[in-house]
């Protein structure tokens, strides 16, 4: 039983950690990492989202992601915190808790495949 519990918690941590890495790559405008953390069907959408941050300085504040459940083979991850985007000395805060990220295991790694 303990082995099963540890294995489940590792999966939870891996899905949440993947979303945290994805969001960090997004604000640091790291297109290679965004591609590596995205599933094939989401990669183009992720790169479009990355493009929206090209003209701003962005940072993460209070980032904490947790797996909240599953939908079949999809892990559902919700994050707390904000993306702070600054353009011409104007700051905009984007709350992260308005999206539930979908994460799947593909080619042995956890990958972000969109959000709800």
PDB file of N, CA and C in Angstrom:
ATOM      1  N   UNK A   1       0.823  -1.194   0.000  1.00  0.00           N
ATOM      2  CA  UNK A   1       0.000   0.000   0.000  1.00  0.00           C
ATOM      3  C   UNK A   1       0.867   1.257   0.000  1.00  0.00           C
ATOM      4  N   UNK A   2       1.907   1.279   0.801  1.00  0.00           N
ATOM      5  CA  UNK A   2       2.782   2.448   0.894  1.00  0.00           C
ATOM      6  C   UNK A   2       3.461   2.736  -0.445  1.00  0.00           C
ATOM      7  N   UNK A   3       3.877   1.691  -1.148  1.00  0.00           N
ATOM      8  CA  UNK A   3       4.495   1.872  -2.455  1.00  0.00           C
ATOM      9  C   UNK A   3       3.507   2.514  -3.420  1.00  0.00           C
ATOM     10  N   UNK A   4       2.262   2.071  -3.412  1.00  0.00           N
ATOM     11  CA  UNK A   4       1.229   2.644  -4.272  1.00  0.00           C
ATOM     12  C   UNK A   4       0.975   4.099  -3.915  1.00  0.00           C
ATOM     13  N   UNK A   5       0.934   4.410  -2.638  1.00  0.00           N
ATOM     14  CA  UNK A   5       0.725   5.790  -2.199  1.00  0.00           C
ATOM     15  C   UNK A   5       1.872   6.689  -2.657  1.00  0.00           C
ATOM     16  N   UNK A   6       3.089   6.248  -2.522  1.00  0.00           N
ATOM     17  CA  UNK A   6       4.253   7.021  -2.967  1.00  0.00           C
ATOM     18  C   UNK A   6       4.220   7.201  -4.475  1.00  0.00           C
ATOM     19  N   UNK A   7       3.875   6.166  -5.209  1.00  0.00           N
ATOM     20  CA  UNK A   7       3.808   6.258  -6.670  1.00  0.00           C
ATOM     21  C   UNK A   7       2.755   7.266  -7.100  1.00  0.00           C
ATOM     22  N   UNK A   8       1.609   7.278  -6.430  1.00  0.00           N
ATOM     23  CA  UNK A   8       0.564   8.246  -6.767  1.00  0.00           C
ATOM     24  C   UNK A   8       1.000   9.665  -6.446  1.00  0.00           C
ATOM     25  N   UNK A   9       1.677   9.859  -5.328  1.00  0.00           N
ATOM     26  CA  UNK A   9       2.094  11.214  -4.980  1.00  0.00           C
ATOM     27  C   UNK A   9       3.182  11.706  -5.934  1.00  0.00           C
ATOM     28  N   UNK A  10       4.030  10.800  -6.423  1.00  0.00           N
ATOM     29  CA  UNK A  10       5.041  11.194  -7.407  1.00  0.00           C
ATOM     30  C   UNK A  10       4.375  11.691  -8.682  1.00  0.00           C
ATOM     31  N   UNK A  11       3.309  11.016  -9.128  1.00  0.00           N
ATOM     32  CA  UNK A  11       2.594  11.446 -10.320  1.00  0.00           C
ATOM     33  C   UNK A  11       1.970  12.819 -10.090  1.00  0.00           C
ATOM     34  N   UNK A  12       1.374  13.023  -8.932  1.00  0.00           N
ATOM     35  CA  UNK A  12       0.783  14.319  -8.599  1.00  0.00           C
ATOM     36  C   UNK A  12       1.847  15.397  -8.657  1.00  0.00           C
ATOM     37  N   UNK A  13       2.943  15.153  -8.018  1.00  0.00           N
ATOM     38  CA  UNK A  13       4.014  16.142  -7.985  1.00  0.00           C
ATOM     39  C   UNK A  13       4.560  16.402  -9.387  1.00  0.00           C
ATOM     40  N   UNK A  14       4.658  15.384 -10.206  1.00  0.00           N
ATOM     41  CA  UNK A  14       5.200  15.549 -11.561  1.00  0.00           C
ATOM     42  C   UNK A  14       4.286  16.413 -12.423  1.00  0.00           C
ATOM     43  N   UNK A  15       2.981  16.214 -12.331  1.00  0.00           N
ATOM     44  CA  UNK A  15       2.038  17.015 -13.121  1.00  0.00           C
ATOM     45  C   UNK A  15       2.073  18.472 -12.683  1.00  0.00           C
ATOM     46  N   UNK A  16       2.025  18.713 -11.377  1.00  0.00           N
ATOM     47  CA  UNK A  16       2.060  20.084 -10.860  1.00  0.00           C
ATOM     48  C   UNK A  16       3.400  20.743 -11.181  1.00  0.00           C
ATOM     49  N   UNK A  17       4.492  20.007 -11.032  1.00  0.00           N
ATOM     50  CA  UNK A  17       5.823  20.556 -11.323  1.00  0.00           C
ATOM     51  C   UNK A  17       5.948  20.909 -12.801  1.00  0.00           C
ATOM     52  N   UNK A  18       5.348  20.111 -13.670  1.00  0.00           N
ATOM     53  CA  UNK A  18       5.390  20.389 -15.104  1.00  0.00           C
ATOM     54  C   UNK A  18       4.686  21.697 -15.422  1.00  0.00           C
ATOM     55  N   UNK A  19       3.536  21.929 -14.810  1.00  0.00           N
ATOM     56  CA  UNK A  19       2.813  23.181 -15.048  1.00  0.00           C
ATOM     57  C   UNK A  19       3.614  24.364 -14.507  1.00  0.00           C
ATOM     58  N   UNK A  20       4.246  24.196 -13.356  1.00  0.00           N
ATOM     59  CA  UNK A  20       5.076  25.277 -12.812  1.00  0.00           C
ATOM     60  C   UNK A  20       6.240  25.590 -13.752  1.00  0.00           C
ATOM     61  N   UNK A  21       6.877  24.562 -14.291  1.00  0.00           N
ATOM     62  CA  UNK A  21       7.972  24.776 -15.257  1.00  0.00           C
ATOM     63  C   UNK A  21       7.447  25.456 -16.522  1.00  0.00           C
ATOM     64  N   UNK A  22       6.277  25.032 -16.970  1.00  0.00           N
ATOM     65  CA  UNK A  22       5.650  25.602 -18.165  1.00  0.00           C
ATOM     66  C   UNK A  22       5.392  27.099 -17.971  1.00  0.00           C
ATOM     67  N   UNK A  23       4.807  27.462 -16.833  1.00  0.00           N
ATOM     68  CA  UNK A  23       4.513  28.874 -16.565  1.00  0.00           C
ATOM     69  C   UNK A  23       5.795  29.691 -16.415  1.00  0.00           C
ATOM     70  N   UNK A  24       6.813  29.107 -15.801  1.00  0.00           N
ATOM     71  CA  UNK A  24       8.107  29.791 -15.686  1.00  0.00           C
ATOM     72  C   UNK A  24       8.729  30.009 -17.058  1.00  0.00           C
ATOM     73  N   UNK A  25       8.635  29.008 -17.928  1.00  0.00           N
ATOM     74  CA  UNK A  25       9.152  29.144 -19.289  1.00  0.00           C
ATOM     75  C   UNK A  25       8.368  30.189 -20.070  1.00  0.00           C
ATOM     76  N   UNK A  26       7.079  30.275 -19.802  1.00  0.00           N
ATOM     77  CA  UNK A  26       6.229  31.255 -20.471  1.00  0.00           C
ATOM     78  C   UNK A  26       6.671  32.676 -20.141  1.00  0.00           C
ATOM     79  N   UNK A  27       6.841  32.976 -18.866  1.00  0.00           N
ATOM     80  CA  UNK A  27       7.208  34.347 -18.487  1.00  0.00           C
ATOM     81  C   UNK A  27       8.664  34.672 -18.825  1.00  0.00           C
ATOM     82  N   UNK A  28       9.525  33.654 -18.890  1.00  0.00           N
ATOM     83  CA  UNK A  28      10.922  33.900 -19.268  1.00  0.00           C
ATOM     84  C   UNK A  28      11.115  33.828 -20.783  1.00  0.00           C
ATOM     85  N   UNK A  29      10.018  33.577 -21.500  1.00  0.00           N
ATOM     86  CA  UNK A  29       9.998  33.553 -22.964  1.00  0.00           C
ATOM     87  C   UNK A  29      10.981  32.527 -23.538  1.00  0.00           C
ATOM     88  N   UNK A  30      10.944  31.334 -22.966  1.00  0.00           N
ATOM     89  CA  UNK A  30      11.823  30.248 -23.381  1.00  0.00           C
ATOM     90  C   UNK A  30      11.040  29.297 -24.305  1.00  0.00           C
ATOM     91  N   UNK A  31      11.105  29.563 -25.592  1.00  0.00           N
ATOM     92  CA  UNK A  31      10.303  28.796 -26.551  1.00  0.00           C
ATOM     93  C   UNK A  31      10.733  27.326 -26.633  1.00  0.00           C
ATOM     94  N   UNK A  32      12.019  27.042 -26.477  1.00  0.00           N
ATOM     95  CA  UNK A  32      12.466  25.646 -26.520  1.00  0.00           C
ATOM     96  C   UNK A  32      11.877  24.846 -25.363  1.00  0.00           C
ATOM     97  N   UNK A  33      11.896  25.440 -24.178  1.00  0.00           N
ATOM     98  CA  UNK A  33      11.349  24.742 -23.019  1.00  0.00           C
ATOM     99  C   UNK A  33       9.832  24.608 -23.125  1.00  0.00           C
ATOM    100  N   UNK A  34       9.160  25.641 -23.616  1.00  0.00           N
ATOM    101  CA  UNK A  34       7.704  25.559 -23.827  1.00  0.00           C
ATOM    102  C   UNK A  34       7.385  24.395 -24.762  1.00  0.00           C
ATOM    103  N   UNK A  35       8.130  24.268 -25.840  1.00  0.00           N
ATOM    104  CA  UNK A  35       7.912  23.161 -26.782  1.00  0.00           C
ATOM    105  C   UNK A  35       8.135  21.816 -26.108  1.00  0.00           C
ATOM    106  N   UNK A  36       9.193  21.713 -25.312  1.00  0.00           N
ATOM    107  CA  UNK A  36       9.504  20.449 -24.640  1.00  0.00           C
ATOM    108  C   UNK A  36       8.479  20.070 -23.577  1.00  0.00           C
ATOM    109  N   UNK A  37       7.827  21.064 -22.976  1.00  0.00           N
ATOM    110  CA  UNK A  37       6.863  20.804 -21.921  1.00  0.00           C
ATOM    111  C   UNK A  37       5.430  20.660 -22.441  1.00  0.00           C
ATOM    112  N   UNK A  38       5.233  20.861 -23.733  1.00  0.00           N
ATOM    113  CA  UNK A  38       3.897  20.788 -24.335  1.00  0.00           C
ATOM    114  C   UNK A  38       3.714  19.482 -25.088  1.00  0.00           C
ATOM    115  N   UNK A  39       2.502  18.950 -25.062  1.00  0.00           N
ATOM    116  CA  UNK A  39       2.221  17.785 -25.896  1.00  0.00           C
ATOM    117  C   UNK A  39       2.111  18.265 -27.349  1.00  0.00           C
ATOM    118  N   UNK A  40       2.258  17.352 -28.256  1.00  0.00           N
ATOM    119  CA  UNK A  40       2.314  17.709 -29.672  1.00  0.00           C
ATOM    120  C   UNK A  40       1.092  18.512 -30.129  1.00  0.00           C
ATOM    121  N   UNK A  41      -0.093  18.138 -29.671  1.00  0.00           N
ATOM    122  CA  UNK A  41      -1.313  18.822 -30.086  1.00  0.00           C
ATOM    123  C   UNK A  41      -1.488  20.217 -29.501  1.00  0.00           C
ATOM    124  N   UNK A  42      -0.721  20.561 -28.480  1.00  0.00           N
ATOM    125  CA  UNK A  42      -0.839  21.859 -27.807  1.00  0.00           C
ATOM    126  C   UNK A  42       0.330  22.784 -28.141  1.00  0.00           C
ATOM    127  N   UNK A  43       1.376  22.270 -28.716  1.00  0.00           N
ATOM    128  CA  UNK A  43       2.608  23.040 -28.907  1.00  0.00           C
ATOM    129  C   UNK A  43       2.396  24.352 -29.662  1.00  0.00           C
ATOM    130  N   UNK A  44       1.671  24.353 -30.753  1.00  0.00           N
ATOM    131  CA  UNK A  44       1.455  25.580 -31.519  1.00  0.00           C
ATOM    132  C   UNK A  44       0.686  26.615 -30.716  1.00  0.00           C
ATOM    133  N   UNK A  45      -0.324  26.164 -29.973  1.00  0.00           N
ATOM    134  CA  UNK A  45      -1.108  27.069 -29.121  1.00  0.00           C
ATOM    135  C   UNK A  45      -0.228  27.644 -28.012  1.00  0.00           C
ATOM    136  N   UNK A  46       0.628  26.812 -27.446  1.00  0.00           N
ATOM    137  CA  UNK A  46       1.543  27.270 -26.389  1.00  0.00           C
ATOM    138  C   UNK A  46       2.506  28.330 -26.925  1.00  0.00           C
ATOM    139  N   UNK A  47       3.007  28.126 -28.136  1.00  0.00           N
ATOM    140  CA  UNK A  47       3.922  29.109 -28.729  1.00  0.00           C
ATOM    141  C   UNK A  47       3.202  30.414 -29.056  1.00  0.00           C
ATOM    142  N   UNK A  48       1.921  30.335 -29.435  1.00  0.00           N
ATOM    143  CA  UNK A  48       1.132  31.553 -29.645  1.00  0.00           C
ATOM    144  C   UNK A  48       0.945  32.307 -28.328  1.00  0.00           C
ATOM    145  N   UNK A  49       0.694  31.556 -27.269  1.00  0.00           N
ATOM    146  CA  UNK A  49       0.560  32.173 -25.950  1.00  0.00           C
ATOM    147  C   UNK A  49       1.881  32.829 -25.541  1.00  0.00           C
ATOM    148  N   UNK A  50       2.970  32.166 -25.823  1.00  0.00           N
ATOM    149  CA  UNK A  50       4.298  32.721 -25.543  1.00  0.00           C
ATOM    150  C   UNK A  50       4.511  34.030 -26.299  1.00  0.00           C
ATOM    151  N   UNK A  51       4.074  34.091 -27.548  1.00  0.00           N
ATOM    152  CA  UNK A  51       4.210  35.308 -28.357  1.00  0.00           C
ATOM    153  C   UNK A  51       3.526  36.503 -27.710  1.00  0.00           C
ATOM    154  N   UNK A  52       2.449  36.265 -26.979  1.00  0.00           N
ATOM    155  CA  UNK A  52       1.726  37.370 -26.351  1.00  0.00           C
ATOM    156  C   UNK A  52       2.543  38.036 -25.245  1.00  0.00           C
ATOM    157  N   UNK A  53       3.608  37.387 -24.794  1.00  0.00           N
ATOM    158  CA  UNK A  53       4.463  37.955 -23.752  1.00  0.00           C
ATOM    159  C   UNK A  53       5.731  38.598 -24.313  1.00  0.00           C
ATOM    160  N   UNK A  54       5.900  38.619 -25.618  1.00  0.00           N
ATOM    161  CA  UNK A  54       7.130  39.131 -26.220  1.00  0.00           C
ATOM    162  C   UNK A  54       7.367  40.615 -25.952  1.00  0.00           C
ATOM    163  N   UNK A  55       6.332  41.423 -25.872  1.00  0.00           N
ATOM    164  CA  UNK A  55       6.495  42.869 -25.729  1.00  0.00           C
ATOM    165  C   UNK A  55       6.413  43.341 -24.276  1.00  0.00           C
ATOM    166  N   UNK A  56       6.339  42.412 -23.326  1.00  0.00           N
ATOM    167  CA  UNK A  56       6.206  42.801 -21.924  1.00  0.00           C
ATOM    168  C   UNK A  56       7.296  42.159 -21.074  1.00  0.00           C
ATOM    169  N   UNK A  57       7.540  42.768 -19.925  1.00  0.00           N
ATOM    170  CA  UNK A  57       8.365  42.138 -18.906  1.00  0.00           C
ATOM    171  C   UNK A  57       7.401  41.385 -18.005  1.00  0.00           C
ATOM    172  N   UNK A  58       7.646  40.102 -17.816  1.00  0.00           N
ATOM    173  CA  UNK A  58       6.714  39.298 -17.033  1.00  0.00           C
ATOM    174  C   UNK A  58       7.449  38.557 -15.926  1.00  0.00           C
ATOM    175  N   UNK A  59       6.726  38.330 -14.843  1.00  0.00           N
ATOM    176  CA  UNK A  59       7.270  37.561 -13.729  1.00  0.00           C
ATOM    177  C   UNK A  59       6.122  36.813 -13.054  1.00  0.00           C
ATOM    178  N   UNK A  60       6.499  35.832 -12.268  1.00  0.00           N
ATOM    179  CA  UNK A  60       5.517  35.050 -11.511  1.00  0.00           C
ATOM    180  C   UNK A  60       5.559  35.480 -10.052  1.00  0.00           C
ATOM    181  N   UNK A  61       4.393  35.528  -9.446  1.00  0.00           N
ATOM    182  CA  UNK A  61       4.294  35.885  -8.035  1.00  0.00           C
ATOM    183  C   UNK A  61       3.427  34.855  -7.336  1.00  0.00           C
ATOM    184  N   UNK A  62       3.980  34.226  -6.300  1.00  0.00           N
ATOM    185  CA  UNK A  62       3.207  33.291  -5.486  1.00  0.00           C
ATOM    186  C   UNK A  62       2.797  32.013  -6.185  1.00  0.00           C
ATOM    187  N   UNK A  63       3.590  31.542  -7.134  1.00  0.00           N
ATOM    188  CA  UNK A  63       3.225  30.344  -7.908  1.00  0.00           C
ATOM    189  C   UNK A  63       3.217  29.099  -7.034  1.00  0.00           C
ATOM    190  N   UNK A  64       2.106  28.383  -7.060  1.00  0.00           N
ATOM    191  CA  UNK A  64       1.975  27.097  -6.401  1.00  0.00           C
ATOM    192  C   UNK A  64       0.904  26.306  -7.132  1.00  0.00           C
ATOM    193  N   UNK A  65       1.297  25.195  -7.742  1.00  0.00           N
ATOM    194  CA  UNK A  65       0.363  24.367  -8.506  1.00  0.00           C
ATOM    195  C   UNK A  65       0.118  23.047  -7.782  1.00  0.00           C
ATOM    196  N   UNK A  66      -1.110  22.553  -7.887  1.00  0.00           N
ATOM    197  CA  UNK A  66      -1.481  21.279  -7.287  1.00  0.00           C
ATOM    198  C   UNK A  66      -2.385  20.506  -8.223  1.00  0.00           C
ATOM    199  N   UNK A  67      -2.200  19.211  -8.219  1.00  0.00           N
ATOM    200  CA  UNK A  67      -3.083  18.327  -8.976  1.00  0.00           C
ATOM    201  C   UNK A  67      -4.394  18.212  -8.216  1.00  0.00           C
ATOM    202  N   UNK A  68      -5.499  18.498  -8.907  1.00  0.00           N
ATOM    203  CA  UNK A  68      -6.799  18.478  -8.240  1.00  0.00           C
ATOM    204  C   UNK A  68      -7.630  17.263  -8.597  1.00  0.00           C
ATOM    205  N   UNK A  69      -7.195  16.493  -9.583  1.00  0.00           N
ATOM    206  CA  UNK A  69      -7.944  15.306  -9.977  1.00  0.00           C
ATOM    207  C   UNK A  69      -7.504  14.816 -11.331  1.00  0.00           C
ATOM    208  N   UNK A  70      -8.312  13.919 -11.882  1.00  0.00           N
ATOM    209  CA  UNK A  70      -8.021  13.318 -13.179  1.00  0.00           C
ATOM    210  C   UNK A  70      -9.293  13.258 -14.003  1.00  0.00           C
ATOM    211  N   UNK A  71      -9.108  13.293 -15.311  1.00  0.00           N
ATOM    212  CA  UNK A  71     -10.196  13.089 -16.256  1.00  0.00           C
ATOM    213  C   UNK A  71      -9.679  12.047 -17.242  1.00  0.00           C
ATOM    214  N   UNK A  72      -9.889  10.786 -16.910  1.00  0.00           N
ATOM    215  CA  UNK A  72      -9.306   9.712 -17.705  1.00  0.00           C
ATOM    216  C   UNK A  72      -7.792   9.715 -17.533  1.00  0.00           C
ATOM    217  N   UNK A  73      -7.065   9.807 -18.639  1.00  0.00           N
ATOM    218  CA  UNK A  73      -5.600   9.836 -18.594  1.00  0.00           C
ATOM    219  C   UNK A  73      -5.041  11.238 -18.383  1.00  0.00           C
ATOM    220  N   UNK A  74      -5.910  12.209 -18.219  1.00  0.00           N
ATOM    221  CA  UNK A  74      -5.488  13.610 -18.093  1.00  0.00           C
ATOM    222  C   UNK A  74      -5.457  14.010 -16.623  1.00  0.00           C
ATOM    223  N   UNK A  75      -4.296  14.516 -16.176  1.00  0.00           N
ATOM    224  CA  UNK A  75      -4.182  15.072 -14.831  1.00  0.00           C
ATOM    225  C   UNK A  75      -4.650  16.521 -14.882  1.00  0.00           C
ATOM    226  N   UNK A  76      -5.446  16.923 -13.914  1.00  0.00           N
ATOM    227  CA  UNK A  76      -5.957  18.290 -13.845  1.00  0.00           C
ATOM    228  C   UNK A  76      -5.183  19.042 -12.768  1.00  0.00           C
ATOM    229  N   UNK A  77      -4.615  20.186 -13.155  1.00  0.00           N
ATOM    230  CA  UNK A  77      -3.753  20.952 -12.256  1.00  0.00           C
ATOM    231  C   UNK A  77      -4.253  22.389 -12.173  1.00  0.00           C
ATOM    232  N   UNK A  78      -4.398  22.875 -10.955  1.00  0.00           N
ATOM    233  CA  UNK A  78      -4.805  24.259 -10.712  1.00  0.00           C
ATOM    234  C   UNK A  78      -3.663  24.954  -9.978  1.00  0.00           C
ATOM    235  N   UNK A  79      -3.432  26.211 -10.340  1.00  0.00           N
ATOM    236  CA  UNK A  79      -2.335  26.971  -9.742  1.00  0.00           C
ATOM    237  C   UNK A  79      -2.867  28.198  -9.012  1.00  0.00           C
ATOM    238  N   UNK A  80      -2.162  28.577  -7.990  1.00  0.00           N
ATOM    239  CA  UNK A  80      -2.385  29.838  -7.290  1.00  0.00           C
ATOM    240  C   UNK A  80      -1.247  30.762  -7.689  1.00  0.00           C
ATOM    241  N   UNK A  81      -1.478  32.037  -7.571  1.00  0.00           N
ATOM    242  CA  UNK A  81      -0.456  33.016  -7.891  1.00  0.00           C
ATOM    243  C   UNK A  81      -0.860  33.874  -9.064  1.00  0.00           C
ATOM    244  N   UNK A  82       0.085  34.672  -9.530  1.00  0.00           N
ATOM    245  CA  UNK A  82      -0.196  35.620 -10.605  1.00  0.00           C
ATOM    246  C   UNK A  82       0.983  35.727 -11.551  1.00  0.00           C
ATOM    247  N   UNK A  83       0.659  36.079 -12.780  1.00  0.00           N
ATOM    248  CA  UNK A  83       1.677  36.560 -13.708  1.00  0.00           C
ATOM    249  C   UNK A  83       1.571  38.075 -13.670  1.00  0.00           C
ATOM    250  N   UNK A  84       2.677  38.737 -13.407  1.00  0.00           N
ATOM    251  CA  UNK A  84       2.723  40.193 -13.416  1.00  0.00           C
ATOM    252  C   UNK A  84       3.374  40.599 -14.737  1.00  0.00           C
ATOM    253  N   UNK A  85       2.608  41.270 -15.582  1.00  0.00           N
ATOM    254  CA  UNK A  85       3.111  41.717 -16.887  1.00  0.00           C
ATOM    255  C   UNK A  85       3.222  43.237 -16.861  1.00  0.00           C
ATOM    256  N   UNK A  86       4.381  43.736 -17.253  1.00  0.00           N
ATOM    257  CA  UNK A  86       4.617  45.173 -17.226  1.00  0.00           C
ATOM    258  C   UNK A  86       4.962  45.659 -18.627  1.00  0.00           C
ATOM    259  N   UNK A  87       4.258  46.714 -19.046  1.00  0.00           N
ATOM    260  CA  UNK A  87       4.492  47.322 -20.358  1.00  0.00           C
ATOM    261  C   UNK A  87       4.371  48.830 -20.191  1.00  0.00           C
ATOM    262  N   UNK A  88       5.412  49.566 -20.579  1.00  0.00           N
ATOM    263  CA  UNK A  88       5.432  51.029 -20.421  1.00  0.00           C
ATOM    264  C   UNK A  88       5.065  51.461 -19.001  1.00  0.00           C
ATOM    265  N   UNK A  89       5.674  50.806 -18.033  1.00  0.00           N
ATOM    266  CA  UNK A  89       5.478  51.104 -16.609  1.00  0.00           C
ATOM    267  C   UNK A  89       4.056  50.855 -16.110  1.00  0.00           C
ATOM    268  N   UNK A  90       3.233  50.190 -16.887  1.00  0.00           N
ATOM    269  CA  UNK A  90       1.896  49.786 -16.439  1.00  0.00           C
ATOM    270  C   UNK A  90       1.922  48.291 -16.156  1.00  0.00           C
ATOM    271  N   UNK A  91       1.449  47.922 -14.978  1.00  0.00           N
ATOM    272  CA  UNK A  91       1.435  46.517 -14.582  1.00  0.00           C
ATOM    273  C   UNK A  91       0.032  45.941 -14.700  1.00  0.00           C
ATOM    274  N   UNK A  92      -0.007  44.738 -15.207  1.00  0.00           N
ATOM    275  CA  UNK A  92      -1.257  43.995 -15.287  1.00  0.00           C
ATOM    276  C   UNK A  92      -1.045  42.674 -14.565  1.00  0.00           C
ATOM    277  N   UNK A  93      -2.002  42.304 -13.738  1.00  0.00           N
ATOM    278  CA  UNK A  93      -1.927  41.047 -13.008  1.00  0.00           C
ATOM    279  C   UNK A  93      -2.883  40.039 -13.634  1.00  0.00           C
ATOM    280  N   UNK A  94      -2.355  38.863 -13.930  1.00  0.00           N
ATOM    281  CA  UNK A  94      -3.158  37.781 -14.497  1.00  0.00           C
ATOM    282  C   UNK A  94      -3.244  36.666 -13.457  1.00  0.00           C
ATOM    283  N   UNK A  95      -4.421  36.463 -12.900  1.00  0.00           N
ATOM    284  CA  UNK A  95      -4.610  35.416 -11.901  1.00  0.00           C
ATOM    285  C   UNK A  95      -4.485  34.046 -12.551  1.00  0.00           C
ATOM    286  N   UNK A  96      -3.706  33.183 -11.931  1.00  0.00           N
ATOM    287  CA  UNK A  96      -3.486  31.848 -12.481  1.00  0.00           C
ATOM    288  C   UNK A  96      -4.598  30.868 -12.125  1.00  0.00           C
ATOM    289  N   UNK A  97      -5.395  31.183 -11.120  1.00  0.00           N
ATOM    290  CA  UNK A  97      -6.400  30.220 -10.668  1.00  0.00           C
ATOM    291  C   UNK A  97      -7.654  30.180 -11.541  1.00  0.00           C
ATOM    292  N   UNK A  98      -7.677  30.917 -12.632  1.00  0.00           N
ATOM    293  CA  UNK A  98      -8.845  30.893 -13.516  1.00  0.00           C
ATOM    294  C   UNK A  98      -8.771  29.758 -14.545  1.00  0.00           C
ATOM    295  N   UNK A  99      -7.650  29.052 -14.577  1.00  0.00           N
ATOM    296  CA  UNK A  99      -7.476  27.947 -15.540  1.00  0.00           C
ATOM    297  C   UNK A  99      -7.184  26.649 -14.810  1.00  0.00           C
ATOM    298  N   UNK A 100      -7.681  25.574 -15.376  1.00  0.00           N
ATOM    299  CA  UNK A 100      -7.296  24.237 -14.942  1.00  0.00           C
ATOM    300  C   UNK A 100      -6.479  23.641 -16.077  1.00  0.00           C
ATOM    301  N   UNK A 101      -5.217  23.367 -15.810  1.00  0.00           N
ATOM    302  CA  UNK A 101      -4.309  22.844 -16.838  1.00  0.00           C
ATOM    303  C   UNK A 101      -4.505  21.343 -16.994  1.00  0.00           C
ATOM    304  N   UNK A 102      -4.428  20.896 -18.234  1.00  0.00           N
ATOM    305  CA  UNK A 102      -4.526  19.479 -18.562  1.00  0.00           C
ATOM    306  C   UNK A 102      -3.120  18.967 -18.851  1.00  0.00           C
ATOM    307  N   UNK A 103      -2.727  17.914 -18.140  1.00  0.00           N
ATOM    308  CA  UNK A 103      -1.383  17.369 -18.255  1.00  0.00           C
ATOM    309  C   UNK A 103      -1.498  15.876 -18.528  1.00  0.00           C
ATOM    310  N   UNK A 104      -0.733  15.385 -19.507  1.00  0.00           N
ATOM    311  CA  UNK A 104      -0.711  13.947 -19.801  1.00  0.00           C
ATOM    312  C   UNK A 104       0.730  13.448 -19.777  1.00  0.00           C
ATOM    313  N   UNK A 105       0.863  12.150 -19.653  1.00  0.00           N
ATOM    314  CA  UNK A 105       2.177  11.527 -19.741  1.00  0.00           C
ATOM    315  C   UNK A 105       2.365  11.077 -21.185  1.00  0.00           C
ATOM    316  N   UNK A 106       3.389  11.621 -21.842  1.00  0.00           N
ATOM    317  CA  UNK A 106       3.671  11.279 -23.238  1.00  0.00           C
ATOM    318  C   UNK A 106       5.169  11.059 -23.383  1.00  0.00           C
ATOM    319  N   UNK A 107       5.545   9.986 -24.023  1.00  0.00           N
ATOM    320  CA  UNK A 107       6.955   9.641 -24.226  1.00  0.00           C
ATOM    321  C   UNK A 107       7.721   9.620 -22.906  1.00  0.00           C
ATOM    322  N   UNK A 108       7.039   9.177 -21.856  1.00  0.00           N
ATOM    323  CA  UNK A 108       7.675   9.043 -20.552  1.00  0.00           C
ATOM    324  C   UNK A 108       7.730  10.308 -19.703  1.00  0.00           C
ATOM    325  N   UNK A 109       7.301  11.442 -20.243  1.00  0.00           N
ATOM    326  CA  UNK A 109       7.354  12.699 -19.511  1.00  0.00           C
ATOM    327  C   UNK A 109       5.959  13.322 -19.408  1.00  0.00           C
ATOM    328  N   UNK A 110       5.773  14.109 -18.382  1.00  0.00           N
ATOM    329  CA  UNK A 110       4.512  14.851 -18.233  1.00  0.00           C
ATOM    330  C   UNK A 110       4.558  16.050 -19.169  1.00  0.00           C
ATOM    331  N   UNK A 111       3.439  16.314 -19.845  1.00  0.00           N
ATOM    332  CA  UNK A 111       3.355  17.417 -20.819  1.00  0.00           C
ATOM    333  C   UNK A 111       2.036  18.159 -20.657  1.00  0.00           C
ATOM    334  N   UNK A 112       2.108  19.493 -20.760  1.00  0.00           N
ATOM    335  CA  UNK A 112       0.916  20.324 -20.711  1.00  0.00           C
ATOM    336  C   UNK A 112       0.210  20.214 -22.068  1.00  0.00           C
ATOM    337  N   UNK A 113      -1.100  19.969 -22.016  1.00  0.00           N
ATOM    338  CA  UNK A 113      -1.873  19.788 -23.261  1.00  0.00           C
ATOM    339  C   UNK A 113      -3.035  20.763 -23.365  1.00  0.00           C
ATOM    340  N   UNK A 114      -2.973  21.853 -22.633  1.00  0.00           N
ATOM    341  CA  UNK A 114      -4.009  22.851 -22.706  1.00  0.00           C
ATOM    342  C   UNK A 114      -4.564  23.161 -21.344  1.00  0.00           C
ATOM    343  N   UNK A 115      -5.690  23.850 -21.371  1.00  0.00           N
ATOM    344  CA  UNK A 115      -6.357  24.216 -20.127  1.00  0.00           C
ATOM    345  C   UNK A 115      -7.845  24.387 -20.377  1.00  0.00           C
ATOM    346  N   UNK A 116      -8.591  24.413 -19.289  1.00  0.00           N
ATOM    347  CA  UNK A 116     -10.046  24.558 -19.324  1.00  0.00           C
ATOM    348  C   UNK A 116     -10.432  25.876 -18.707  1.00  0.00           C
TER     349      UNK A 116
END
